[in-house]
Amino acid sequence: MGITFKARHYVSTVDNKAFFTLLNDGNLTANNTFSKNVNQNTNFFNIDLVYIWQFASGSFVYIVWKNAVANETDQIEKRYFKNLSNTINTDANLKIIYFLDYFNIKKSQFSITLLRK
């Protein structure tokens, strides 16, 4: 038996300082009229928890729990733990993964069919 736990937090920020306009001749000129907030603060937080049980040679049971959260805003947060807190408090997507042995299921259905005849 074994348990594996992985947690990952990814942060990416874009804090625009100035905007420019590209002229036809290839030069840039300062654009002081653009006032839209296009900053980006993107966070991804993932958790993977895996329980593995090998109950016979070559036979495993996996119980896998995955949680993924994504958060994007135009407000730049420079404090790491505040950024992480905002991300964790976002609605999460939960994924549970399980594996079925197709051949054992097929064999069981075949046996049940033979018993009915």
PDB file of N, CA and C in Angstrom:
ATOM      1  N   MET A   1       0.847  -1.182   0.000  1.00  0.00           N
ATOM      2  CA  MET A   1       0.000   0.000   0.000  1.00  0.00           C
ATOM      3  C   MET A   1       0.888   1.239   0.000  1.00  0.00           C
ATOM      4  N   GLY A   2       0.350   2.284  -0.563  1.00  0.00           N
ATOM      5  CA  GLY A   2       1.090   3.526  -0.573  1.00  0.00           C
ATOM      6  C   GLY A   2       0.180   4.708  -0.841  1.00  0.00           C
ATOM      7  N   ILE A   3       0.592   5.869  -0.358  1.00  0.00           N
ATOM      8  CA  ILE A   3      -0.148   7.107  -0.590  1.00  0.00           C
ATOM      9  C   ILE A   3       0.836   8.137  -1.155  1.00  0.00           C
ATOM     10  N   THR A   4       0.408   8.799  -2.220  1.00  0.00           N
ATOM     11  CA  THR A   4       1.194   9.871  -2.825  1.00  0.00           C
ATOM     12  C   THR A   4       0.358  11.144  -2.793  1.00  0.00           C
ATOM     13  N   PHE A   5       0.961  12.245  -2.359  1.00  0.00           N
ATOM     14  CA  PHE A   5       0.277  13.536  -2.309  1.00  0.00           C
ATOM     15  C   PHE A   5       1.136  14.570  -3.023  1.00  0.00           C
ATOM     16  N   LYS A   6       0.540  15.278  -3.979  1.00  0.00           N
ATOM     17  CA  LYS A   6       1.238  16.349  -4.679  1.00  0.00           C
ATOM     18  C   LYS A   6       0.352  17.585  -4.685  1.00  0.00           C
ATOM     19  N   ALA A   7       0.946  18.725  -4.370  1.00  0.00           N
ATOM     20  CA  ALA A   7       0.236  20.007  -4.436  1.00  0.00           C
ATOM     21  C   ALA A   7       1.112  20.969  -5.237  1.00  0.00           C
ATOM     22  N   ARG A   8       0.484  21.669  -6.191  1.00  0.00           N
ATOM     23  CA  ARG A   8       1.221  22.599  -7.031  1.00  0.00           C
ATOM     24  C   ARG A   8       0.461  23.915  -7.120  1.00  0.00           C
ATOM     25  N   HIS A   9       1.196  25.016  -7.017  1.00  0.00           N
ATOM     26  CA  HIS A   9       0.601  26.344  -7.181  1.00  0.00           C
ATOM     27  C   HIS A   9       1.433  27.092  -8.209  1.00  0.00           C
ATOM     28  N   TYR A  10       0.768  27.589  -9.254  1.00  0.00           N
ATOM     29  CA  TYR A  10       1.435  28.332 -10.313  1.00  0.00           C
ATOM     30  C   TYR A  10       0.856  29.732 -10.348  1.00  0.00           C
ATOM     31  N   VAL A  11       1.731  30.746 -10.370  1.00  0.00           N
ATOM     32  CA  VAL A  11       1.311  32.149 -10.406  1.00  0.00           C
ATOM     33  C   VAL A  11       1.964  32.825 -11.601  1.00  0.00           C
ATOM     34  N   SER A  12       1.182  33.604 -12.334  1.00  0.00           N
ATOM     35  CA  SER A  12       1.719  34.394 -13.436  1.00  0.00           C
ATOM     36  C   SER A  12       1.053  35.767 -13.405  1.00  0.00           C
ATOM     37  N   THR A  13       1.870  36.832 -13.410  1.00  0.00           N
ATOM     38  CA  THR A  13       1.315  38.184 -13.376  1.00  0.00           C
ATOM     39  C   THR A  13       1.881  39.018 -14.527  1.00  0.00           C
ATOM     40  N   VAL A  14       1.028  39.905 -15.027  1.00  0.00           N
ATOM     41  CA  VAL A  14       1.433  40.896 -16.023  1.00  0.00           C
ATOM     42  C   VAL A  14       0.984  42.243 -15.486  1.00  0.00           C
ATOM     43  N   ASP A  15       1.943  43.073 -15.132  1.00  0.00           N
ATOM     44  CA  ASP A  15       1.667  44.397 -14.577  1.00  0.00           C
ATOM     45  C   ASP A  15       2.172  45.434 -15.577  1.00  0.00           C
ATOM     46  N   ASN A  16       1.278  45.903 -16.448  1.00  0.00           N
ATOM     47  CA  ASN A  16       1.656  46.841 -17.511  1.00  0.00           C
ATOM     48  C   ASN A  16       2.025  48.197 -16.933  1.00  0.00           C
ATOM     49  N   LYS A  17       3.138  48.758 -17.407  1.00  0.00           N
ATOM     50  CA  LYS A  17       3.617  50.068 -16.939  1.00  0.00           C
ATOM     51  C   LYS A  17       3.297  51.185 -17.925  1.00  0.00           C
ATOM     52  N   ALA A  18       3.338  50.874 -19.228  1.00  0.00           N
ATOM     53  CA  ALA A  18       3.095  51.901 -20.246  1.00  0.00           C
ATOM     54  C   ALA A  18       2.595  51.230 -21.521  1.00  0.00           C
ATOM     55  N   PHE A  19       1.921  52.032 -22.368  1.00  0.00           N
ATOM     56  CA  PHE A  19       1.405  51.539 -23.643  1.00  0.00           C
ATOM     57  C   PHE A  19       1.929  52.411 -24.762  1.00  0.00           C
ATOM     58  N   PHE A  20       2.147  51.785 -25.913  1.00  0.00           N
ATOM     59  CA  PHE A  20       2.686  52.479 -27.070  1.00  0.00           C
ATOM     60  C   PHE A  20       1.853  52.141 -28.303  1.00  0.00           C
ATOM     61  N   THR A  21       1.933  53.015 -29.291  1.00  0.00           N
ATOM     62  CA  THR A  21       1.278  52.792 -30.573  1.00  0.00           C
ATOM     63  C   THR A  21       2.366  52.569 -31.619  1.00  0.00           C
ATOM     64  N   LEU A  22       2.184  51.521 -32.435  1.00  0.00           N
ATOM     65  CA  LEU A  22       3.134  51.220 -33.496  1.00  0.00           C
ATOM     66  C   LEU A  22       2.778  52.050 -34.723  1.00  0.00           C
ATOM     67  N   LEU A  23       3.709  52.846 -35.175  1.00  0.00           N
ATOM     68  CA  LEU A  23       3.496  53.701 -36.348  1.00  0.00           C
ATOM     69  C   LEU A  23       3.784  52.926 -37.629  1.00  0.00           C
ATOM     70  N   ASN A  24       3.324  53.444 -38.755  1.00  0.00           N
ATOM     71  CA  ASN A  24       3.525  52.786 -40.050  1.00  0.00           C
ATOM     72  C   ASN A  24       4.997  52.627 -40.408  1.00  0.00           C
ATOM     73  N   ASP A  25       5.853  53.524 -39.940  1.00  0.00           N
ATOM     74  CA  ASP A  25       7.288  53.430 -40.249  1.00  0.00           C
ATOM     75  C   ASP A  25       8.036  52.480 -39.304  1.00  0.00           C
ATOM     76  N   GLY A  26       7.299  51.834 -38.360  1.00  0.00           N
ATOM     77  CA  GLY A  26       7.909  50.866 -37.446  1.00  0.00           C
ATOM     78  C   GLY A  26       8.340  51.445 -36.122  1.00  0.00           C
ATOM     79  N   ASN A  27       8.243  52.737 -35.945  1.00  0.00           N
ATOM     80  CA  ASN A  27       8.606  53.355 -34.667  1.00  0.00           C
ATOM     81  C   ASN A  27       7.435  53.301 -33.697  1.00  0.00           C
ATOM     82  N   LEU A  28       7.743  53.518 -32.427  1.00  0.00           N
ATOM     83  CA  LEU A  28       6.730  53.544 -31.377  1.00  0.00           C
ATOM     84  C   LEU A  28       6.549  54.960 -30.862  1.00  0.00           C
ATOM     85  N   THR A  29       5.317  55.270 -30.487  1.00  0.00           N
ATOM     86  CA  THR A  29       5.036  56.545 -29.840  1.00  0.00           C
ATOM     87  C   THR A  29       4.199  56.262 -28.592  1.00  0.00           C
ATOM     88  N   ALA A  30       4.441  57.002 -27.533  1.00  0.00           N
ATOM     89  CA  ALA A  30       3.706  56.787 -26.276  1.00  0.00           C
ATOM     90  C   ALA A  30       2.214  56.999 -26.507  1.00  0.00           C
ATOM     91  N   ASN A  31       1.403  56.089 -25.950  1.00  0.00           N
ATOM     92  CA  ASN A  31      -0.055  56.182 -26.057  1.00  0.00           C
ATOM     93  C   ASN A  31      -0.593  56.519 -24.674  1.00  0.00           C
ATOM     94  N   ASN A  32      -0.895  57.782 -24.436  1.00  0.00           N
ATOM     95  CA  ASN A  32      -1.379  58.227 -23.134  1.00  0.00           C
ATOM     96  C   ASN A  32      -2.897  58.189 -23.039  1.00  0.00           C
ATOM     97  N   THR A  33      -3.592  57.840 -24.125  1.00  0.00           N
ATOM     98  CA  THR A  33      -5.060  57.827 -24.109  1.00  0.00           C
ATOM     99  C   THR A  33      -5.626  56.468 -23.740  1.00  0.00           C
ATOM    100  N   PHE A  34      -4.825  55.397 -23.807  1.00  0.00           N
ATOM    101  CA  PHE A  34      -5.304  54.063 -23.465  1.00  0.00           C
ATOM    102  C   PHE A  34      -5.345  53.940 -21.952  1.00  0.00           C
ATOM    103  N   SER A  35      -6.538  53.736 -21.395  1.00  0.00           N
ATOM    104  CA  SER A  35      -6.659  53.710 -19.931  1.00  0.00           C
ATOM    105  C   SER A  35      -7.317  52.425 -19.412  1.00  0.00           C
ATOM    106  N   LYS A  36      -7.542  51.460 -20.273  1.00  0.00           N
ATOM    107  CA  LYS A  36      -8.169  50.200 -19.845  1.00  0.00           C
ATOM    108  C   LYS A  36      -7.192  49.387 -18.983  1.00  0.00           C
ATOM    109  N   ASN A  37      -7.710  48.743 -17.939  1.00  0.00           N
ATOM    110  CA  ASN A  37      -6.886  47.899 -17.079  1.00  0.00           C
ATOM    111  C   ASN A  37      -6.766  46.521 -17.729  1.00  0.00           C
ATOM    112  N   VAL A  38      -5.613  46.222 -18.283  1.00  0.00           N
ATOM    113  CA  VAL A  38      -5.389  44.925 -18.923  1.00  0.00           C
ATOM    114  C   VAL A  38      -4.321  44.110 -18.176  1.00  0.00           C
ATOM    115  N   ASN A  39      -4.104  44.433 -16.911  1.00  0.00           N
ATOM    116  CA  ASN A  39      -3.194  43.642 -16.089  1.00  0.00           C
ATOM    117  C   ASN A  39      -3.786  42.248 -15.908  1.00  0.00           C
ATOM    118  N   GLN A  40      -2.926  41.290 -15.639  1.00  0.00           N
ATOM    119  CA  GLN A  40      -3.383  39.911 -15.438  1.00  0.00           C
ATOM    120  C   GLN A  40      -2.700  39.310 -14.221  1.00  0.00           C
ATOM    121  N   ASN A  41      -3.498  38.619 -13.421  1.00  0.00           N
ATOM    122  CA  ASN A  41      -3.000  37.859 -12.285  1.00  0.00           C
ATOM    123  C   ASN A  41      -3.651  36.481 -12.399  1.00  0.00           C
ATOM    124  N   THR A  42      -2.887  35.489 -12.837  1.00  0.00           N
ATOM    125  CA  THR A  42      -3.419  34.153 -13.098  1.00  0.00           C
ATOM    126  C   THR A  42      -2.811  33.165 -12.112  1.00  0.00           C
ATOM    127  N   ASN A  43      -3.664  32.316 -11.543  1.00  0.00           N
ATOM    128  CA  ASN A  43      -3.240  31.308 -10.565  1.00  0.00           C
ATOM    129  C   ASN A  43      -3.857  29.963 -10.904  1.00  0.00           C
ATOM    130  N   PHE A  44      -3.065  28.917 -10.737  1.00  0.00           N
ATOM    131  CA  PHE A  44      -3.557  27.549 -10.851  1.00  0.00           C
ATOM    132  C   PHE A  44      -3.081  26.793  -9.615  1.00  0.00           C
ATOM    133  N   PHE A  45      -3.992  26.042  -8.999  1.00  0.00           N
ATOM    134  CA  PHE A  45      -3.655  25.248  -7.815  1.00  0.00           C
ATOM    135  C   PHE A  45      -4.203  23.848  -8.021  1.00  0.00           C
ATOM    136  N   ASN A  46      -3.326  22.849  -7.975  1.00  0.00           N
ATOM    137  CA  ASN A  46      -3.721  21.459  -8.205  1.00  0.00           C
ATOM    138  C   ASN A  46      -3.315  20.595  -7.018  1.00  0.00           C
ATOM    139  N   ILE A  47      -4.180  19.640  -6.699  1.00  0.00           N
ATOM    140  CA  ILE A  47      -3.870  18.629  -5.683  1.00  0.00           C
ATOM    141  C   ILE A  47      -4.130  17.261  -6.296  1.00  0.00           C
ATOM    142  N   ASP A  48      -3.175  16.359  -6.139  1.00  0.00           N
ATOM    143  CA  ASP A  48      -3.332  14.969  -6.548  1.00  0.00           C
ATOM    144  C   ASP A  48      -3.057  14.095  -5.334  1.00  0.00           C
ATOM    145  N   LEU A  49      -4.020  13.262  -4.967  1.00  0.00           N
ATOM    146  CA  LEU A  49      -3.860  12.322  -3.865  1.00  0.00           C
ATOM    147  C   LEU A  49      -4.154  10.934  -4.418  1.00  0.00           C
ATOM    148  N   VAL A  50      -3.177  10.023  -4.319  1.00  0.00           N
ATOM    149  CA  VAL A  50      -3.316   8.689  -4.892  1.00  0.00           C
ATOM    150  C   VAL A  50      -3.055   7.652  -3.805  1.00  0.00           C
ATOM    151  N   TYR A  51      -4.031   6.747  -3.644  1.00  0.00           N
ATOM    152  CA  TYR A  51      -3.884   5.598  -2.741  1.00  0.00           C
ATOM    153  C   TYR A  51      -3.759   4.360  -3.615  1.00  0.00           C
ATOM    154  N   ILE A  52      -2.689   3.590  -3.431  1.00  0.00           N
ATOM    155  CA  ILE A  52      -2.457   2.384  -4.225  1.00  0.00           C
ATOM    156  C   ILE A  52      -2.386   1.189  -3.285  1.00  0.00           C
ATOM    157  N   TRP A  53      -3.132   0.136  -3.656  1.00  0.00           N
ATOM    158  CA  TRP A  53      -3.102  -1.108  -2.889  1.00  0.00           C
ATOM    159  C   TRP A  53      -2.838  -2.247  -3.855  1.00  0.00           C
ATOM    160  N   GLN A  54      -1.733  -2.956  -3.657  1.00  0.00           N
ATOM    161  CA  GLN A  54      -1.460  -4.140  -4.452  1.00  0.00           C
ATOM    162  C   GLN A  54      -1.886  -5.333  -3.614  1.00  0.00           C
ATOM    163  N   PHE A  55      -3.048  -5.905  -3.957  1.00  0.00           N
ATOM    164  CA  PHE A  55      -3.612  -6.974  -3.130  1.00  0.00           C
ATOM    165  C   PHE A  55      -3.205  -8.358  -3.612  1.00  0.00           C
ATOM    166  N   ALA A  56      -2.620  -8.473  -4.785  1.00  0.00           N
ATOM    167  CA  ALA A  56      -2.067  -9.721  -5.298  1.00  0.00           C
ATOM    168  C   ALA A  56      -1.024  -9.343  -6.339  1.00  0.00           C
ATOM    169  N   SER A  57      -0.231 -10.300  -6.748  1.00  0.00           N
ATOM    170  CA  SER A  57       0.799 -10.027  -7.723  1.00  0.00           C
ATOM    171  C   SER A  57       0.181  -9.516  -9.027  1.00  0.00           C
ATOM    172  N   GLY A  58       0.522  -8.289  -9.405  1.00  0.00           N
ATOM    173  CA  GLY A  58      -0.012  -7.701 -10.631  1.00  0.00           C
ATOM    174  C   GLY A  58      -1.413  -7.152 -10.523  1.00  0.00           C
ATOM    175  N   SER A  59      -2.013  -7.152  -9.334  1.00  0.00           N
ATOM    176  CA  SER A  59      -3.387  -6.663  -9.144  1.00  0.00           C
ATOM    177  C   SER A  59      -3.358  -5.457  -8.212  1.00  0.00           C
ATOM    178  N   PHE A  60      -3.832  -4.347  -8.726  1.00  0.00           N
ATOM    179  CA  PHE A  60      -3.770  -3.090  -7.988  1.00  0.00           C
ATOM    180  C   PHE A  60      -5.154  -2.475  -7.876  1.00  0.00           C
ATOM    181  N   VAL A  61      -5.357  -1.756  -6.782  1.00  0.00           N
ATOM    182  CA  VAL A  61      -6.510  -0.875  -6.627  1.00  0.00           C
ATOM    183  C   VAL A  61      -5.947   0.534  -6.479  1.00  0.00           C
ATOM    184  N   TYR A  62      -6.414   1.438  -7.321  1.00  0.00           N
ATOM    185  CA  TYR A  62      -6.025   2.840  -7.256  1.00  0.00           C
ATOM    186  C   TYR A  62      -7.245   3.651  -6.855  1.00  0.00           C
ATOM    187  N   ILE A  63      -7.100   4.487  -5.869  1.00  0.00           N
ATOM    188  CA  ILE A  63      -8.118   5.482  -5.551  1.00  0.00           C
ATOM    189  C   ILE A  63      -7.420   6.829  -5.710  1.00  0.00           C
ATOM    190  N   VAL A  64      -7.906   7.610  -6.674  1.00  0.00           N
ATOM    191  CA  VAL A  64      -7.240   8.857  -7.049  1.00  0.00           C
ATOM    192  C   VAL A  64      -8.190  10.019  -6.826  1.00  0.00           C
ATOM    193  N   TRP A  65      -7.718  11.048  -6.132  1.00  0.00           N
ATOM    194  CA  TRP A  65      -8.487  12.280  -5.940  1.00  0.00           C
ATOM    195  C   TRP A  65      -7.691  13.416  -6.530  1.00  0.00           C
ATOM    196  N   LYS A  66      -8.320  14.154  -7.454  1.00  0.00           N
ATOM    197  CA  LYS A  66      -7.670  15.302  -8.088  1.00  0.00           C
ATOM    198  C   LYS A  66      -8.550  16.521  -7.885  1.00  0.00           C
ATOM    199  N   ASN A  67      -7.904  17.620  -7.572  1.00  0.00           N
ATOM    200  CA  ASN A  67      -8.613  18.877  -7.385  1.00  0.00           C
ATOM    201  C   ASN A  67      -7.847  19.958  -8.141  1.00  0.00           C
ATOM    202  N   ALA A  68      -8.575  20.711  -8.969  1.00  0.00           N
ATOM    203  CA  ALA A  68      -7.927  21.758  -9.763  1.00  0.00           C
ATOM    204  C   ALA A  68      -8.712  23.051  -9.618  1.00  0.00           C
ATOM    205  N   VAL A  69      -7.998  24.139  -9.337  1.00  0.00           N
ATOM    206  CA  VAL A  69      -8.615  25.446  -9.183  1.00  0.00           C
ATOM    207  C   VAL A  69      -7.855  26.429 -10.066  1.00  0.00           C
ATOM    208  N   ALA A  70      -8.592  27.267 -10.780  1.00  0.00           N
ATOM    209  CA  ALA A  70      -7.979  28.321 -11.589  1.00  0.00           C
ATOM    210  C   ALA A  70      -8.642  29.644 -11.233  1.00  0.00           C
ATOM    211  N   ASN A  71      -7.847  30.683 -11.158  1.00  0.00           N
ATOM    212  CA  ASN A  71      -8.349  32.009 -10.803  1.00  0.00           C
ATOM    213  C   ASN A  71      -7.610  33.046 -11.643  1.00  0.00           C
ATOM    214  N   GLU A  72      -8.368  33.932 -12.295  1.00  0.00           N
ATOM    215  CA  GLU A  72      -7.746  35.002 -13.077  1.00  0.00           C
ATOM    216  C   GLU A  72      -8.464  36.304 -12.782  1.00  0.00           C
ATOM    217  N   THR A  73      -7.676  37.352 -12.566  1.00  0.00           N
ATOM    218  CA  THR A  73      -8.221  38.668 -12.268  1.00  0.00           C
ATOM    219  C   THR A  73      -7.305  39.735 -12.862  1.00  0.00           C
ATOM    220  N   ASP A  74      -7.796  40.970 -12.922  1.00  0.00           N
ATOM    221  CA  ASP A  74      -6.945  42.061 -13.417  1.00  0.00           C
ATOM    222  C   ASP A  74      -6.293  42.834 -12.268  1.00  0.00           C
ATOM    223  N   GLN A  75      -6.484  42.363 -11.034  1.00  0.00           N
ATOM    224  CA  GLN A  75      -5.869  42.995  -9.860  1.00  0.00           C
ATOM    225  C   GLN A  75      -4.595  42.230  -9.490  1.00  0.00           C
ATOM    226  N   ILE A  76      -3.463  42.912  -9.541  1.00  0.00           N
ATOM    227  CA  ILE A  76      -2.181  42.273  -9.226  1.00  0.00           C
ATOM    228  C   ILE A  76      -2.045  42.142  -7.712  1.00  0.00           C
ATOM    229  N   GLU A  77      -1.762  40.918  -7.257  1.00  0.00           N
ATOM    230  CA  GLU A  77      -1.527  40.651  -5.836  1.00  0.00           C
ATOM    231  C   GLU A  77      -0.085  40.185  -5.698  1.00  0.00           C
ATOM    232  N   LYS A  78       0.748  40.968  -5.003  1.00  0.00           N
ATOM    233  CA  LYS A  78       2.174  40.658  -4.883  1.00  0.00           C
ATOM    234  C   LYS A  78       2.497  39.775  -3.690  1.00  0.00           C
ATOM    235  N   ARG A  79       1.593  39.663  -2.734  1.00  0.00           N
ATOM    236  CA  ARG A  79       1.839  38.818  -1.558  1.00  0.00           C
ATOM    237  C   ARG A  79       1.452  37.381  -1.889  1.00  0.00           C
ATOM    238  N   TYR A  80       2.406  36.456  -1.765  1.00  0.00           N
ATOM    239  CA  TYR A  80       2.197  35.072  -2.181  1.00  0.00           C
ATOM    240  C   TYR A  80       1.033  34.407  -1.447  1.00  0.00           C
ATOM    241  N   PHE A  81       0.998  34.475  -0.123  1.00  0.00           N
ATOM    242  CA  PHE A  81      -0.028  33.755   0.637  1.00  0.00           C
ATOM    243  C   PHE A  81      -1.421  34.359   0.435  1.00  0.00           C
ATOM    244  N   LYS A  82      -1.510  35.650   0.166  1.00  0.00           N
ATOM    245  CA  LYS A  82      -2.805  36.262  -0.165  1.00  0.00           C
ATOM    246  C   LYS A  82      -3.265  35.756  -1.537  1.00  0.00           C
ATOM    247  N   ASN A  83      -2.330  35.657  -2.475  1.00  0.00           N
ATOM    248  CA  ASN A  83      -2.615  35.128  -3.799  1.00  0.00           C
ATOM    249  C   ASN A  83      -3.103  33.678  -3.703  1.00  0.00           C
ATOM    250  N   LEU A  84      -2.395  32.878  -2.919  1.00  0.00           N
ATOM    251  CA  LEU A  84      -2.776  31.472  -2.721  1.00  0.00           C
ATOM    252  C   LEU A  84      -4.144  31.370  -2.065  1.00  0.00           C
ATOM    253  N   SER A  85      -4.415  32.184  -1.060  1.00  0.00           N
ATOM    254  CA  SER A  85      -5.706  32.186  -0.370  1.00  0.00           C
ATOM    255  C   SER A  85      -6.844  32.538  -1.325  1.00  0.00           C
ATOM    256  N   ASN A  86      -6.646  33.551  -2.159  1.00  0.00           N
ATOM    257  CA  ASN A  86      -7.670  33.924  -3.141  1.00  0.00           C
ATOM    258  C   ASN A  86      -7.945  32.782  -4.111  1.00  0.00           C
ATOM    259  N   THR A  87      -6.909  32.055  -4.477  1.00  0.00           N
ATOM    260  CA  THR A  87      -7.059  30.943  -5.421  1.00  0.00           C
ATOM    261  C   THR A  87      -7.794  29.775  -4.777  1.00  0.00           C
ATOM    262  N   ILE A  88      -7.410  29.416  -3.566  1.00  0.00           N
ATOM    263  CA  ILE A  88      -8.038  28.277  -2.885  1.00  0.00           C
ATOM    264  C   ILE A  88      -9.516  28.540  -2.624  1.00  0.00           C
ATOM    265  N   ASN A  89      -9.886  29.788  -2.385  1.00  0.00           N
ATOM    266  CA  ASN A  89     -11.286  30.115  -2.111  1.00  0.00           C
ATOM    267  C   ASN A  89     -12.149  30.196  -3.364  1.00  0.00           C
ATOM    268  N   THR A  90     -11.578  29.911  -4.529  1.00  0.00           N
ATOM    269  CA  THR A  90     -12.326  29.861  -5.783  1.00  0.00           C
ATOM    270  C   THR A  90     -13.018  28.502  -5.885  1.00  0.00           C
ATOM    271  N   ASP A  91     -14.130  28.440  -6.618  1.00  0.00           N
ATOM    272  CA  ASP A  91     -14.824  27.164  -6.819  1.00  0.00           C
ATOM    273  C   ASP A  91     -13.875  26.148  -7.445  1.00  0.00           C
ATOM    274  N   ALA A  92     -13.915  24.929  -6.941  1.00  0.00           N
ATOM    275  CA  ALA A  92     -12.991  23.882  -7.380  1.00  0.00           C
ATOM    276  C   ALA A  92     -13.673  22.908  -8.331  1.00  0.00           C
ATOM    277  N   ASN A  93     -12.846  22.266  -9.143  1.00  0.00           N
ATOM    278  CA  ASN A  93     -13.269  21.144  -9.977  1.00  0.00           C
ATOM    279  C   ASN A  93     -12.699  19.899  -9.339  1.00  0.00           C
ATOM    280  N   LEU A  94     -13.547  18.927  -9.078  1.00  0.00           N
ATOM    281  CA  LEU A  94     -13.111  17.691  -8.439  1.00  0.00           C
ATOM    282  C   LEU A  94     -13.190  16.564  -9.444  1.00  0.00           C
ATOM    283  N   LYS A  95     -12.140  15.761  -9.499  1.00  0.00           N
ATOM    284  CA  LYS A  95     -12.099  14.644 -10.428  1.00  0.00           C
ATOM    285  C   LYS A  95     -11.730  13.393  -9.646  1.00  0.00           C
ATOM    286  N   ILE A  96     -12.489  12.341  -9.811  1.00  0.00           N
ATOM    287  CA  ILE A  96     -12.184  11.051  -9.203  1.00  0.00           C
ATOM    288  C   ILE A  96     -11.932  10.074 -10.344  1.00  0.00           C
ATOM    289  N   ILE A  97     -10.815   9.391 -10.301  1.00  0.00           N
ATOM    290  CA  ILE A  97     -10.439   8.459 -11.361  1.00  0.00           C
ATOM    291  C   ILE A  97     -10.429   7.051 -10.782  1.00  0.00           C
ATOM    292  N   TYR A  98     -11.028   6.132 -11.506  1.00  0.00           N
ATOM    293  CA  TYR A  98     -10.982   4.738 -11.097  1.00  0.00           C
ATOM    294  C   TYR A  98     -10.800   3.881 -12.339  1.00  0.00           C
ATOM    295  N   PHE A  99     -10.259   2.698 -12.156  1.00  0.00           N
ATOM    296  CA  PHE A  99      -9.963   1.803 -13.254  1.00  0.00           C
ATOM    297  C   PHE A  99     -10.766   0.523 -13.081  1.00  0.00           C
ATOM    298  N   LEU A 100     -11.318   0.014 -14.164  1.00  0.00           N
ATOM    299  CA  LEU A 100     -12.031  -1.257 -14.164  1.00  0.00           C
ATOM    300  C   LEU A 100     -11.289  -2.224 -15.082  1.00  0.00           C
ATOM    301  N   ASP A 101     -11.208  -3.465 -14.673  1.00  0.00           N
ATOM    302  CA  ASP A 101     -10.577  -4.495 -15.496  1.00  0.00           C
ATOM    303  C   ASP A 101     -11.619  -5.044 -16.459  1.00  0.00           C
ATOM    304  N   TYR A 102     -11.544  -4.612 -17.706  1.00  0.00           N
ATOM    305  CA  TYR A 102     -12.536  -4.971 -18.718  1.00  0.00           C
ATOM    306  C   TYR A 102     -12.645  -6.484 -18.889  1.00  0.00           C
ATOM    307  N   PHE A 103     -11.525  -7.191 -18.889  1.00  0.00           N
ATOM    308  CA  PHE A 103     -11.551  -8.623 -19.132  1.00  0.00           C
ATOM    309  C   PHE A 103     -12.241  -9.377 -17.998  1.00  0.00           C
ATOM    310  N   ASN A 104     -12.035  -8.961 -16.750  1.00  0.00           N
ATOM    311  CA  ASN A 104     -12.736  -9.610 -15.641  1.00  0.00           C
ATOM    312  C   ASN A 104     -14.230  -9.313 -15.681  1.00  0.00           C
ATOM    313  N   ILE A 105     -14.599  -8.086 -16.056  1.00  0.00           N
ATOM    314  CA  ILE A 105     -16.019  -7.747 -16.160  1.00  0.00           C
ATOM    315  C   ILE A 105     -16.660  -8.550 -17.282  1.00  0.00           C
ATOM    316  N   LYS A 106     -15.998  -8.631 -18.421  1.00  0.00           N
ATOM    317  CA  LYS A 106     -16.518  -9.387 -19.568  1.00  0.00           C
ATOM    318  C   LYS A 106     -16.641 -10.863 -19.209  1.00  0.00           C
ATOM    319  N   LYS A 107     -15.645 -11.415 -18.508  1.00  0.00           N
ATOM    320  CA  LYS A 107     -15.671 -12.819 -18.103  1.00  0.00           C
ATOM    321  C   LYS A 107     -16.846 -13.066 -17.144  1.00  0.00           C
ATOM    322  N   SER A 108     -17.109 -12.142 -16.221  1.00  0.00           N
ATOM    323  CA  SER A 108     -18.214 -12.272 -15.274  1.00  0.00           C
ATOM    324  C   SER A 108     -19.550 -12.247 -16.001  1.00  0.00           C
ATOM    325  N   GLN A 109     -19.718 -11.375 -16.969  1.00  0.00           N
ATOM    326  CA  GLN A 109     -20.966 -11.307 -17.727  1.00  0.00           C
ATOM    327  C   GLN A 109     -21.164 -12.587 -18.531  1.00  0.00           C
ATOM    328  N   PHE A 110     -20.071 -13.131 -19.118  1.00  0.00           N
ATOM    329  CA  PHE A 110     -20.157 -14.362 -19.895  1.00  0.00           C
ATOM    330  C   PHE A 110     -20.575 -15.533 -18.988  1.00  0.00           C
ATOM    331  N   SER A 111     -20.009 -15.590 -17.785  1.00  0.00           N
ATOM    332  CA  SER A 111     -20.355 -16.659 -16.845  1.00  0.00           C
ATOM    333  C   SER A 111     -21.826 -16.569 -16.450  1.00  0.00           C
ATOM    334  N   ILE A 112     -22.310 -15.364 -16.212  1.00  0.00           N
ATOM    335  CA  ILE A 112     -23.717 -15.184 -15.834  1.00  0.00           C
ATOM    336  C   ILE A 112     -24.621 -15.636 -16.980  1.00  0.00           C
ATOM    337  N   THR A 113     -24.243 -15.339 -18.225  1.00  0.00           N
ATOM    338  CA  THR A 113     -25.032 -15.743 -19.394  1.00  0.00           C
ATOM    339  C   THR A 113     -25.074 -17.263 -19.493  1.00  0.00           C
ATOM    340  N   LEU A 114     -23.948 -17.943 -19.248  1.00  0.00           N
ATOM    341  CA  LEU A 114     -23.914 -19.411 -19.311  1.00  0.00           C
ATOM    342  C   LEU A 114     -24.791 -20.026 -18.221  1.00  0.00           C
ATOM    343  N   LEU A 115     -24.832 -19.444 -17.051  1.00  0.00           N
ATOM    344  CA  LEU A 115     -25.623 -19.987 -15.959  1.00  0.00           C
ATOM    345  C   LEU A 115     -27.107 -19.866 -16.229  1.00  0.00           C
ATOM    346  N   ARG A 116     -27.535 -18.902 -17.001  1.00  0.00           N
ATOM    347  CA  ARG A 116     -28.959 -18.698 -17.276  1.00  0.00           C
ATOM    348  C   ARG A 116     -29.492 -19.758 -18.248  1.00  0.00           C
ATOM    349  N   LYS A 117     -28.647 -20.326 -19.102  1.00  0.00           N
ATOM    350  CA  LYS A 117     -29.111 -21.259 -20.142  1.00  0.00           C
ATOM    351  C   LYS A 117     -29.390 -22.594 -19.587  1.00  0.00           C
TER     352      LYS A 117
END
